[in-house]
Amino acid sequence: MSVFGGVIKKVTPASPLYSLLFQMYKQVENERDSDEVYRHAIVILDELLRRGYRFNTPEVQAVVEILRELPAPGAKARNFEKLYLQDEYGLRRLPHDPRKLYGQGCWH
């Protein structure tokens, strides 16, 4: 099972986030469409942060784990993690459009 499956197991099925994460998991498993998953994940992440969830909460960490798997492997994934996935400030700097990540050395 992929990392996505492990993340979904960490979130309780009673959580409203569970169904969204499960749908995103299926989409990545079936289509491998990183840009589309990114767009959905950012909407969820923005809503969680707006509601006061912090970086270390299970809900935010579940979205961070999904975002961590989206960039191209290797240096691009490491750069993406260093730039955006280290803390709440980095998460808030993530652009809503994944095309803005092109050319930064951290996306496809």
PDB file of N, CA and C in Angstrom:
ATOM      1  N   MET A   1       0.847  -1.171   0.000  1.00  0.00           N
ATOM      2  CA  MET A   1       0.000   0.000   0.000  1.00  0.00           C
ATOM      3  C   MET A   1       0.889   1.230   0.000  1.00  0.00           C
ATOM      4  N   SER A   2       0.470   2.263  -0.690  1.00  0.00           N
ATOM      5  CA  SER A   2       1.252   3.479  -0.792  1.00  0.00           C
ATOM      6  C   SER A   2       1.163   4.313   0.471  1.00  0.00           C
ATOM      7  N   VAL A   3       1.910   5.399   0.484  1.00  0.00           N
ATOM      8  CA  VAL A   3       1.892   6.331   1.610  1.00  0.00           C
ATOM      9  C   VAL A   3       0.493   6.889   1.802  1.00  0.00           C
ATOM     10  N   PHE A   4      -0.227   7.108   0.721  1.00  0.00           N
ATOM     11  CA  PHE A   4      -1.580   7.653   0.805  1.00  0.00           C
ATOM     12  C   PHE A   4      -2.489   6.751   1.635  1.00  0.00           C
ATOM     13  N   GLY A   5      -2.385   5.466   1.409  1.00  0.00           N
ATOM     14  CA  GLY A   5      -3.202   4.529   2.179  1.00  0.00           C
ATOM     15  C   GLY A   5      -2.881   4.596   3.658  1.00  0.00           C
ATOM     16  N   GLY A   6      -1.598   4.757   3.995  1.00  0.00           N
ATOM     17  CA  GLY A   6      -1.201   4.878   5.389  1.00  0.00           C
ATOM     18  C   GLY A   6      -1.728   6.153   6.023  1.00  0.00           C
ATOM     19  N   VAL A   7      -1.756   7.230   5.264  1.00  0.00           N
ATOM     20  CA  VAL A   7      -2.273   8.502   5.776  1.00  0.00           C
ATOM     21  C   VAL A   7      -3.758   8.380   6.071  1.00  0.00           C
ATOM     22  N   ILE A   8      -4.489   7.749   5.170  1.00  0.00           N
ATOM     23  CA  ILE A   8      -5.936   7.606   5.357  1.00  0.00           C
ATOM     24  C   ILE A   8      -6.232   6.772   6.592  1.00  0.00           C
ATOM     25  N   LYS A   9      -5.398   5.790   6.883  1.00  0.00           N
ATOM     26  CA  LYS A   9      -5.607   4.970   8.081  1.00  0.00           C
ATOM     27  C   LYS A   9      -5.426   5.781   9.358  1.00  0.00           C
ATOM     28  N   LYS A  10      -4.633   6.856   9.315  1.00  0.00           N
ATOM     29  CA  LYS A  10      -4.387   7.676  10.494  1.00  0.00           C
ATOM     30  C   LYS A  10      -5.567   8.576  10.836  1.00  0.00           C
ATOM     31  N   VAL A  11      -6.387   8.902   9.851  1.00  0.00           N
ATOM     32  CA  VAL A  11      -7.540   9.780  10.070  1.00  0.00           C
ATOM     33  C   VAL A  11      -8.758   8.897  10.323  1.00  0.00           C
ATOM     34  N   THR A  12      -9.501   9.206  11.363  1.00  0.00           N
ATOM     35  CA  THR A  12     -10.663   8.380  11.696  1.00  0.00           C
ATOM     36  C   THR A  12     -11.745   8.518  10.637  1.00  0.00           C
ATOM     37  N   PRO A  13     -12.471   7.436  10.352  1.00  0.00           N
ATOM     38  CA  PRO A  13     -13.545   7.491   9.362  1.00  0.00           C
ATOM     39  C   PRO A  13     -14.649   8.482   9.737  1.00  0.00           C
ATOM     40  N   ALA A  14     -14.767   8.820  11.003  1.00  0.00           N
ATOM     41  CA  ALA A  14     -15.781   9.783  11.433  1.00  0.00           C
ATOM     42  C   ALA A  14     -15.402  11.215  11.077  1.00  0.00           C
ATOM     43  N   SER A  15     -14.142  11.441  10.778  1.00  0.00           N
ATOM     44  CA  SER A  15     -13.678  12.785  10.452  1.00  0.00           C
ATOM     45  C   SER A  15     -14.239  13.216   9.093  1.00  0.00           C
ATOM     46  N   PRO A  16     -14.685  14.474   8.988  1.00  0.00           N
ATOM     47  CA  PRO A  16     -15.161  14.948   7.682  1.00  0.00           C
ATOM     48  C   PRO A  16     -14.046  14.980   6.639  1.00  0.00           C
ATOM     49  N   LEU A  17     -12.819  15.013   7.095  1.00  0.00           N
ATOM     50  CA  LEU A  17     -11.684  15.023   6.191  1.00  0.00           C
ATOM     51  C   LEU A  17     -11.459  13.655   5.538  1.00  0.00           C
ATOM     52  N   TYR A  18     -11.927  12.606   6.193  1.00  0.00           N
ATOM     53  CA  TYR A  18     -11.684  11.245   5.714  1.00  0.00           C
ATOM     54  C   TYR A  18     -12.195  11.038   4.290  1.00  0.00           C
ATOM     55  N   SER A  19     -13.444  11.417   4.021  1.00  0.00           N
ATOM     56  CA  SER A  19     -14.005  11.148   2.694  1.00  0.00           C
ATOM     57  C   SER A  19     -13.260  11.933   1.617  1.00  0.00           C
ATOM     58  N   LEU A  20     -12.866  13.168   1.925  1.00  0.00           N
ATOM     59  CA  LEU A  20     -12.110  13.945   0.947  1.00  0.00           C
ATOM     60  C   LEU A  20     -10.743  13.327   0.686  1.00  0.00           C
ATOM     61  N   LEU A  21     -10.062  12.911   1.747  1.00  0.00           N
ATOM     62  CA  LEU A  21      -8.753  12.279   1.576  1.00  0.00           C
ATOM     63  C   LEU A  21      -8.870  10.966   0.813  1.00  0.00           C
ATOM     64  N   PHE A  22      -9.929  10.220   1.100  1.00  0.00           N
ATOM     65  CA  PHE A  22     -10.120   8.948   0.409  1.00  0.00           C
ATOM     66  C   PHE A  22     -10.344   9.175  -1.078  1.00  0.00           C
ATOM     67  N   GLN A  23     -11.138  10.172  -1.429  1.00  0.00           N
ATOM     68  CA  GLN A  23     -11.361  10.481  -2.841  1.00  0.00           C
ATOM     69  C   GLN A  23     -10.065  10.906  -3.519  1.00  0.00           C
ATOM     70  N   MET A  24      -9.276  11.709  -2.815  1.00  0.00           N
ATOM     71  CA  MET A  24      -7.999  12.139  -3.377  1.00  0.00           C
ATOM     72  C   MET A  24      -7.054  10.952  -3.539  1.00  0.00           C
ATOM     73  N   TYR A  25      -7.056  10.049  -2.579  1.00  0.00           N
ATOM     74  CA  TYR A  25      -6.234   8.840  -2.653  1.00  0.00           C
ATOM     75  C   TYR A  25      -6.590   8.031  -3.896  1.00  0.00           C
ATOM     76  N   LYS A  26      -7.869   7.833  -4.119  1.00  0.00           N
ATOM     77  CA  LYS A  26      -8.305   7.070  -5.289  1.00  0.00           C
ATOM     78  C   LYS A  26      -7.905   7.770  -6.579  1.00  0.00           C
ATOM     79  N   GLN A  27      -8.012   9.087  -6.603  1.00  0.00           N
ATOM     80  CA  GLN A  27      -7.658   9.826  -7.805  1.00  0.00           C
ATOM     81  C   GLN A  27      -6.173   9.682  -8.112  1.00  0.00           C
ATOM     82  N   VAL A  28      -5.335   9.790  -7.103  1.00  0.00           N
ATOM     83  CA  VAL A  28      -3.892   9.659  -7.328  1.00  0.00           C
ATOM     84  C   VAL A  28      -3.565   8.238  -7.758  1.00  0.00           C
ATOM     85  N   GLU A  29      -4.183   7.266  -7.117  1.00  0.00           N
ATOM     86  CA  GLU A  29      -3.917   5.879  -7.467  1.00  0.00           C
ATOM     87  C   GLU A  29      -4.360   5.573  -8.894  1.00  0.00           C
ATOM     88  N   ASN A  30      -5.470   6.149  -9.325  1.00  0.00           N
ATOM     89  CA  ASN A  30      -6.005   5.837 -10.648  1.00  0.00           C
ATOM     90  C   ASN A  30      -5.402   6.694 -11.753  1.00  0.00           C
ATOM     91  N   GLU A  31      -5.218   7.966 -11.529  1.00  0.00           N
ATOM     92  CA  GLU A  31      -4.864   8.867 -12.615  1.00  0.00           C
ATOM     93  C   GLU A  31      -3.471   9.481 -12.520  1.00  0.00           C
ATOM     94  N   ARG A  32      -2.920   9.554 -11.333  1.00  0.00           N
ATOM     95  CA  ARG A  32      -1.601  10.172 -11.138  1.00  0.00           C
ATOM     96  C   ARG A  32      -1.588  11.621 -11.624  1.00  0.00           C
ATOM     97  N   ASP A  33      -2.644  12.336 -11.366  1.00  0.00           N
ATOM     98  CA  ASP A  33      -2.741  13.712 -11.824  1.00  0.00           C
ATOM     99  C   ASP A  33      -2.383  14.659 -10.678  1.00  0.00           C
ATOM    100  N   SER A  34      -1.121  14.955 -10.552  1.00  0.00           N
ATOM    101  CA  SER A  34      -0.619  15.740  -9.425  1.00  0.00           C
ATOM    102  C   SER A  34      -1.195  17.144  -9.358  1.00  0.00           C
ATOM    103  N   ASP A  35      -1.323  17.805 -10.489  1.00  0.00           N
ATOM    104  CA  ASP A  35      -1.832  19.171 -10.467  1.00  0.00           C
ATOM    105  C   ASP A  35      -3.259  19.236  -9.931  1.00  0.00           C
ATOM    106  N   GLU A  36      -4.085  18.332 -10.360  1.00  0.00           N
ATOM    107  CA  GLU A  36      -5.482  18.329  -9.915  1.00  0.00           C
ATOM    108  C   GLU A  36      -5.582  18.004  -8.426  1.00  0.00           C
ATOM    109  N   VAL A  37      -4.837  17.035  -7.973  1.00  0.00           N
ATOM    110  CA  VAL A  37      -4.842  16.688  -6.553  1.00  0.00           C
ATOM    111  C   VAL A  37      -4.325  17.867  -5.737  1.00  0.00           C
ATOM    112  N   TYR A  38      -3.295  18.530  -6.244  1.00  0.00           N
ATOM    113  CA  TYR A  38      -2.746  19.699  -5.558  1.00  0.00           C
ATOM    114  C   TYR A  38      -3.823  20.766  -5.371  1.00  0.00           C
ATOM    115  N   ARG A  39      -4.562  21.052  -6.431  1.00  0.00           N
ATOM    116  CA  ARG A  39      -5.612  22.075  -6.346  1.00  0.00           C
ATOM    117  C   ARG A  39      -6.631  21.740  -5.254  1.00  0.00           C
ATOM    118  N   HIS A  40      -7.033  20.496  -5.180  1.00  0.00           N
ATOM    119  CA  HIS A  40      -8.003  20.082  -4.158  1.00  0.00           C
ATOM    120  C   HIS A  40      -7.382  20.114  -2.761  1.00  0.00           C
ATOM    121  N   ALA A  41      -6.149  19.679  -2.654  1.00  0.00           N
ATOM    122  CA  ALA A  41      -5.482  19.648  -1.350  1.00  0.00           C
ATOM    123  C   ALA A  41      -5.292  21.055  -0.798  1.00  0.00           C
ATOM    124  N   ILE A  42      -4.988  22.014  -1.662  1.00  0.00           N
ATOM    125  CA  ILE A  42      -4.792  23.390  -1.207  1.00  0.00           C
ATOM    126  C   ILE A  42      -6.095  23.970  -0.671  1.00  0.00           C
ATOM    127  N   VAL A  43      -7.199  23.655  -1.315  1.00  0.00           N
ATOM    128  CA  VAL A  43      -8.497  24.138  -0.824  1.00  0.00           C
ATOM    129  C   VAL A  43      -8.765  23.589   0.576  1.00  0.00           C
ATOM    130  N   ILE A  44      -8.522  22.304   0.765  1.00  0.00           N
ATOM    131  CA  ILE A  44      -8.718  21.679   2.076  1.00  0.00           C
ATOM    132  C   ILE A  44      -7.763  22.288   3.095  1.00  0.00           C
ATOM    133  N   LEU A  45      -6.508  22.429   2.717  1.00  0.00           N
ATOM    134  CA  LEU A  45      -5.506  22.989   3.622  1.00  0.00           C
ATOM    135  C   LEU A  45      -5.860  24.417   4.030  1.00  0.00           C
ATOM    136  N   ASP A  46      -6.245  25.232   3.076  1.00  0.00           N
ATOM    137  CA  ASP A  46      -6.630  26.608   3.398  1.00  0.00           C
ATOM    138  C   ASP A  46      -7.795  26.650   4.378  1.00  0.00           C
ATOM    139  N   GLU A  47      -8.765  25.785   4.166  1.00  0.00           N
ATOM    140  CA  GLU A  47      -9.921  25.752   5.068  1.00  0.00           C
ATOM    141  C   GLU A  47      -9.507  25.308   6.469  1.00  0.00           C
ATOM    142  N   LEU A  48      -8.658  24.304   6.561  1.00  0.00           N
ATOM    143  CA  LEU A  48      -8.189  23.851   7.873  1.00  0.00           C
ATOM    144  C   LEU A  48      -7.426  24.957   8.606  1.00  0.00           C
ATOM    145  N   LEU A  49      -6.532  25.633   7.906  1.00  0.00           N
ATOM    146  CA  LEU A  49      -5.761  26.706   8.527  1.00  0.00           C
ATOM    147  C   LEU A  49      -6.666  27.880   8.913  1.00  0.00           C
ATOM    148  N   ARG A  50      -7.641  28.162   8.084  1.00  0.00           N
ATOM    149  CA  ARG A  50      -8.576  29.242   8.386  1.00  0.00           C
ATOM    150  C   ARG A  50      -9.383  28.941   9.650  1.00  0.00           C
ATOM    151  N   ARG A  51      -9.687  27.667   9.851  1.00  0.00           N
ATOM    152  CA  ARG A  51     -10.453  27.259  11.032  1.00  0.00           C
ATOM    153  C   ARG A  51      -9.594  27.141  12.286  1.00  0.00           C
ATOM    154  N   GLY A  52      -8.305  27.382  12.163  1.00  0.00           N
ATOM    155  CA  GLY A  52      -7.437  27.392  13.330  1.00  0.00           C
ATOM    156  C   GLY A  52      -6.669  26.116  13.588  1.00  0.00           C
ATOM    157  N   TYR A  53      -6.731  25.155  12.672  1.00  0.00           N
ATOM    158  CA  TYR A  53      -5.935  23.943  12.835  1.00  0.00           C
ATOM    159  C   TYR A  53      -4.468  24.311  12.708  1.00  0.00           C
ATOM    160  N   ARG A  54      -3.635  23.714  13.507  1.00  0.00           N
ATOM    161  CA  ARG A  54      -2.206  23.990  13.504  1.00  0.00           C
ATOM    162  C   ARG A  54      -1.449  22.936  12.705  1.00  0.00           C
ATOM    163  N   PHE A  55      -0.180  23.229  12.445  1.00  0.00           N
ATOM    164  CA  PHE A  55       0.662  22.376  11.614  1.00  0.00           C
ATOM    165  C   PHE A  55       0.717  20.932  12.114  1.00  0.00           C
ATOM    166  N   ASN A  56       0.755  20.726  13.413  1.00  0.00           N
ATOM    167  CA  ASN A  56       0.931  19.376  13.958  1.00  0.00           C
ATOM    168  C   ASN A  56      -0.357  18.599  14.168  1.00  0.00           C
ATOM    169  N   THR A  57      -1.504  19.154  13.811  1.00  0.00           N
ATOM    170  CA  THR A  57      -2.750  18.406  13.975  1.00  0.00           C
ATOM    171  C   THR A  57      -2.819  17.284  12.936  1.00  0.00           C
ATOM    172  N   PRO A  58      -3.481  16.174  13.265  1.00  0.00           N
ATOM    173  CA  PRO A  58      -3.548  15.046  12.325  1.00  0.00           C
ATOM    174  C   PRO A  58      -4.169  15.418  10.979  1.00  0.00           C
ATOM    175  N   GLU A  59      -5.143  16.306  10.988  1.00  0.00           N
ATOM    176  CA  GLU A  59      -5.803  16.691   9.737  1.00  0.00           C
ATOM    177  C   GLU A  59      -4.841  17.430   8.808  1.00  0.00           C
ATOM    178  N   VAL A  60      -4.104  18.386   9.345  1.00  0.00           N
ATOM    179  CA  VAL A  60      -3.143  19.138   8.531  1.00  0.00           C
ATOM    180  C   VAL A  60      -2.001  18.219   8.108  1.00  0.00           C
ATOM    181  N   GLN A  61      -1.538  17.374   9.004  1.00  0.00           N
ATOM    182  CA  GLN A  61      -0.457  16.456   8.654  1.00  0.00           C
ATOM    183  C   GLN A  61      -0.869  15.476   7.559  1.00  0.00           C
ATOM    184  N   ALA A  62      -2.144  15.083   7.532  1.00  0.00           N
ATOM    185  CA  ALA A  62      -2.626  14.199   6.469  1.00  0.00           C
ATOM    186  C   ALA A  62      -2.523  14.899   5.115  1.00  0.00           C
ATOM    187  N   VAL A  63      -2.899  16.167   5.054  1.00  0.00           N
ATOM    188  CA  VAL A  63      -2.799  16.927   3.806  1.00  0.00           C
ATOM    189  C   VAL A  63      -1.324  17.134   3.440  1.00  0.00           C
ATOM    190  N   VAL A  64      -0.482  17.402   4.427  1.00  0.00           N
ATOM    191  CA  VAL A  64       0.956  17.582   4.179  1.00  0.00           C
ATOM    192  C   VAL A  64       1.546  16.302   3.582  1.00  0.00           C
ATOM    193  N   GLU A  65       1.144  15.152   4.093  1.00  0.00           N
ATOM    194  CA  GLU A  65       1.656  13.882   3.553  1.00  0.00           C
ATOM    195  C   GLU A  65       1.251  13.705   2.092  1.00  0.00           C
ATOM    196  N   ILE A  66       0.037  14.094   1.757  1.00  0.00           N
ATOM    197  CA  ILE A  66      -0.405  13.999   0.361  1.00  0.00           C
ATOM    198  C   ILE A  66       0.403  14.962  -0.496  1.00  0.00           C
ATOM    199  N   LEU A  67       0.564  16.177  -0.036  1.00  0.00           N
ATOM    200  CA  LEU A  67       1.354  17.154  -0.796  1.00  0.00           C
ATOM    201  C   LEU A  67       2.799  16.690  -0.963  1.00  0.00           C
ATOM    202  N   ARG A  68       3.333  16.032   0.028  1.00  0.00           N
ATOM    203  CA  ARG A  68       4.719  15.558  -0.013  1.00  0.00           C
ATOM    204  C   ARG A  68       4.926  14.549  -1.149  1.00  0.00           C
ATOM    205  N   GLU A  69       3.905  13.811  -1.503  1.00  0.00           N
ATOM    206  CA  GLU A  69       4.023  12.777  -2.534  1.00  0.00           C
ATOM    207  C   GLU A  69       3.785  13.286  -3.953  1.00  0.00           C
ATOM    208  N   LEU A  70       3.330  14.516  -4.117  1.00  0.00           N
ATOM    209  CA  LEU A  70       2.936  15.000  -5.435  1.00  0.00           C
ATOM    210  C   LEU A  70       4.077  15.428  -6.358  1.00  0.00           C
ATOM    211  N   PRO A  71       5.122  16.095  -5.883  1.00  0.00           N
ATOM    212  CA  PRO A  71       6.161  16.551  -6.821  1.00  0.00           C
ATOM    213  C   PRO A  71       6.914  15.385  -7.460  1.00  0.00           C
ATOM    214  N   ALA A  72       7.623  15.710  -8.521  1.00  0.00           N
ATOM    215  CA  ALA A  72       8.488  14.716  -9.156  1.00  0.00           C
ATOM    216  C   ALA A  72       9.512  14.244  -8.124  1.00  0.00           C
ATOM    217  N   PRO A  73       9.914  12.986  -8.197  1.00  0.00           N
ATOM    218  CA  PRO A  73      10.847  12.461  -7.192  1.00  0.00           C
ATOM    219  C   PRO A  73      12.233  13.091  -7.299  1.00  0.00           C
ATOM    220  N   GLY A  74      12.992  12.883  -6.253  1.00  0.00           N
ATOM    221  CA  GLY A  74      14.381  13.348  -6.242  1.00  0.00           C
ATOM    222  C   GLY A  74      14.523  14.742  -5.679  1.00  0.00           C
ATOM    223  N   ALA A  75      15.367  15.519  -6.329  1.00  0.00           N
ATOM    224  CA  ALA A  75      15.675  16.860  -5.849  1.00  0.00           C
ATOM    225  C   ALA A  75      14.445  17.754  -5.827  1.00  0.00           C
ATOM    226  N   LYS A  76      13.551  17.590  -6.791  1.00  0.00           N
ATOM    227  CA  LYS A  76      12.353  18.427  -6.827  1.00  0.00           C
ATOM    228  C   LYS A  76      11.476  18.188  -5.602  1.00  0.00           C
ATOM    229  N   ALA A  77      11.328  16.946  -5.202  1.00  0.00           N
ATOM    230  CA  ALA A  77      10.532  16.632  -4.004  1.00  0.00           C
ATOM    231  C   ALA A  77      11.202  17.195  -2.753  1.00  0.00           C
ATOM    232  N   ARG A  78      12.512  17.073  -2.673  1.00  0.00           N
ATOM    233  CA  ARG A  78      13.233  17.627  -1.517  1.00  0.00           C
ATOM    234  C   ARG A  78      13.112  19.145  -1.460  1.00  0.00           C
ATOM    235  N   ASN A  79      13.240  19.803  -2.620  1.00  0.00           N
ATOM    236  CA  ASN A  79      13.105  21.261  -2.662  1.00  0.00           C
ATOM    237  C   ASN A  79      11.703  21.697  -2.249  1.00  0.00           C
ATOM    238  N   PHE A  80      10.693  20.999  -2.736  1.00  0.00           N
ATOM    239  CA  PHE A  80       9.308  21.325  -2.394  1.00  0.00           C
ATOM    240  C   PHE A  80       9.100  21.203  -0.891  1.00  0.00           C
ATOM    241  N   GLU A  81       9.609  20.131  -0.317  1.00  0.00           N
ATOM    242  CA  GLU A  81       9.458  19.932   1.125  1.00  0.00           C
ATOM    243  C   GLU A  81      10.173  21.026   1.917  1.00  0.00           C
ATOM    244  N   LYS A  82      11.384  21.369   1.509  1.00  0.00           N
ATOM    245  CA  LYS A  82      12.134  22.415   2.217  1.00  0.00           C
ATOM    246  C   LYS A  82      11.447  23.773   2.129  1.00  0.00           C
ATOM    247  N   LEU A  83      10.912  24.087   0.951  1.00  0.00           N
ATOM    248  CA  LEU A  83      10.293  25.395   0.749  1.00  0.00           C
ATOM    249  C   LEU A  83       8.938  25.541   1.428  1.00  0.00           C
ATOM    250  N   TYR A  84       8.133  24.477   1.415  1.00  0.00           N
ATOM    251  CA  TYR A  84       6.733  24.639   1.781  1.00  0.00           C
ATOM    252  C   TYR A  84       6.212  23.745   2.902  1.00  0.00           C
ATOM    253  N   LEU A  85       6.848  22.630   3.182  1.00  0.00           N
ATOM    254  CA  LEU A  85       6.230  21.652   4.082  1.00  0.00           C
ATOM    255  C   LEU A  85       6.904  21.544   5.443  1.00  0.00           C
ATOM    256  N   GLN A  86       7.689  22.531   5.819  1.00  0.00           N
ATOM    257  CA  GLN A  86       8.398  22.481   7.096  1.00  0.00           C
ATOM    258  C   GLN A  86       7.587  23.021   8.270  1.00  0.00           C
ATOM    259  N   ASP A  87       6.731  24.002   7.999  1.00  0.00           N
ATOM    260  CA  ASP A  87       5.970  24.630   9.073  1.00  0.00           C
ATOM    261  C   ASP A  87       4.723  25.302   8.501  1.00  0.00           C
ATOM    262  N   GLU A  88       3.948  25.885   9.387  1.00  0.00           N
ATOM    263  CA  GLU A  88       2.696  26.513   8.975  1.00  0.00           C
ATOM    264  C   GLU A  88       2.931  27.697   8.039  1.00  0.00           C
ATOM    265  N   TYR A  89       3.999  28.441   8.248  1.00  0.00           N
ATOM    266  CA  TYR A  89       4.301  29.584   7.395  1.00  0.00           C
ATOM    267  C   TYR A  89       4.555  29.132   5.952  1.00  0.00           C
ATOM    268  N   GLY A  90       5.259  28.032   5.798  1.00  0.00           N
ATOM    269  CA  GLY A  90       5.489  27.487   4.463  1.00  0.00           C
ATOM    270  C   GLY A  90       4.199  27.048   3.813  1.00  0.00           C
ATOM    271  N   LEU A  91       3.321  26.412   4.587  1.00  0.00           N
ATOM    272  CA  LEU A  91       2.033  25.979   4.041  1.00  0.00           C
ATOM    273  C   LEU A  91       1.221  27.171   3.550  1.00  0.00           C
ATOM    274  N   ARG A  92       1.266  28.252   4.289  1.00  0.00           N
ATOM    275  CA  ARG A  92       0.502  29.449   3.910  1.00  0.00           C
ATOM    276  C   ARG A  92       1.070  30.119   2.654  1.00  0.00           C
ATOM    277  N   ARG A  93       2.332  29.845   2.319  1.00  0.00           N
ATOM    278  CA  ARG A  93       2.953  30.415   1.116  1.00  0.00           C
ATOM    279  C   ARG A  93       2.661  29.606  -0.140  1.00  0.00           C
ATOM    280  N   LEU A  94       2.091  28.421   0.001  1.00  0.00           N
ATOM    281  CA  LEU A  94       1.803  27.598  -1.169  1.00  0.00           C
ATOM    282  C   LEU A  94       0.842  28.318  -2.110  1.00  0.00           C
ATOM    283  N   PRO A  95       1.172  28.376  -3.394  1.00  0.00           N
ATOM    284  CA  PRO A  95       0.256  29.018  -4.345  1.00  0.00           C
ATOM    285  C   PRO A  95      -0.982  28.151  -4.592  1.00  0.00           C
ATOM    286  N   HIS A  96      -2.080  28.785  -4.958  1.00  0.00           N
ATOM    287  CA  HIS A  96      -3.297  28.030  -5.255  1.00  0.00           C
ATOM    288  C   HIS A  96      -3.212  27.324  -6.607  1.00  0.00           C
ATOM    289  N   ASP A  97      -2.432  27.859  -7.498  1.00  0.00           N
ATOM    290  CA  ASP A  97      -2.273  27.283  -8.831  1.00  0.00           C
ATOM    291  C   ASP A  97      -0.917  26.572  -8.910  1.00  0.00           C
ATOM    292  N   PRO A  98      -0.902  25.264  -9.141  1.00  0.00           N
ATOM    293  CA  PRO A  98       0.374  24.542  -9.194  1.00  0.00           C
ATOM    294  C   PRO A  98       1.289  24.999 -10.327  1.00  0.00           C
ATOM    295  N   ARG A  99       0.733  25.654 -11.339  1.00  0.00           N
ATOM    296  CA  ARG A  99       1.578  26.147 -12.432  1.00  0.00           C
ATOM    297  C   ARG A  99       2.568  27.201 -11.945  1.00  0.00           C
ATOM    298  N   LYS A 100       2.251  27.857 -10.823  1.00  0.00           N
ATOM    299  CA  LYS A 100       3.175  28.844 -10.266  1.00  0.00           C
ATOM    300  C   LYS A 100       4.406  28.179  -9.648  1.00  0.00           C
ATOM    301  N   LEU A 101       4.329  26.872  -9.451  1.00  0.00           N
ATOM    302  CA  LEU A 101       5.476  26.128  -8.924  1.00  0.00           C
ATOM    303  C   LEU A 101       6.454  25.730 -10.024  1.00  0.00           C
ATOM    304  N   TYR A 102       6.002  25.768 -11.283  1.00  0.00           N
ATOM    305  CA  TYR A 102       6.873  25.403 -12.400  1.00  0.00           C
ATOM    306  C   TYR A 102       8.038  26.378 -12.433  1.00  0.00           C
ATOM    307  N   GLY A 103       9.195  25.894 -12.692  1.00  0.00           N
ATOM    308  CA  GLY A 103      10.364  26.746 -12.794  1.00  0.00           C
ATOM    309  C   GLY A 103      11.039  27.043 -11.455  1.00  0.00           C
ATOM    310  N   GLN A 104      10.452  26.573 -10.363  1.00  0.00           N
ATOM    311  CA  GLN A 104      11.063  26.777  -9.048  1.00  0.00           C
ATOM    312  C   GLN A 104      11.950  25.602  -8.646  1.00  0.00           C
ATOM    313  N   GLY A 105      12.010  24.602  -9.485  1.00  0.00           N
ATOM    314  CA  GLY A 105      12.818  23.422  -9.165  1.00  0.00           C
ATOM    315  C   GLY A 105      12.202  22.544  -8.111  1.00  0.00           C
ATOM    316  N   CYS A 106      10.874  22.619  -7.979  1.00  0.00           N
ATOM    317  CA  CYS A 106      10.232  21.797  -6.955  1.00  0.00           C
ATOM    318  C   CYS A 106       8.936  21.150  -7.449  1.00  0.00           C
ATOM    319  N   TRP A 107       8.688  21.154  -8.741  1.00  0.00           N
ATOM    320  CA  TRP A 107       7.473  20.553  -9.279  1.00  0.00           C
ATOM    321  C   TRP A 107       7.808  19.855 -10.579  1.00  0.00           C
ATOM    322  N   HIS A 108       6.868  19.313 -11.249  1.00  0.00           N
ATOM    323  CA  HIS A 108       7.087  18.528 -12.472  1.00  0.00           C
ATOM    324  C   HIS A 108       7.613  19.366 -13.605  1.00  0.00           C
TER     325      HIS A 108
END
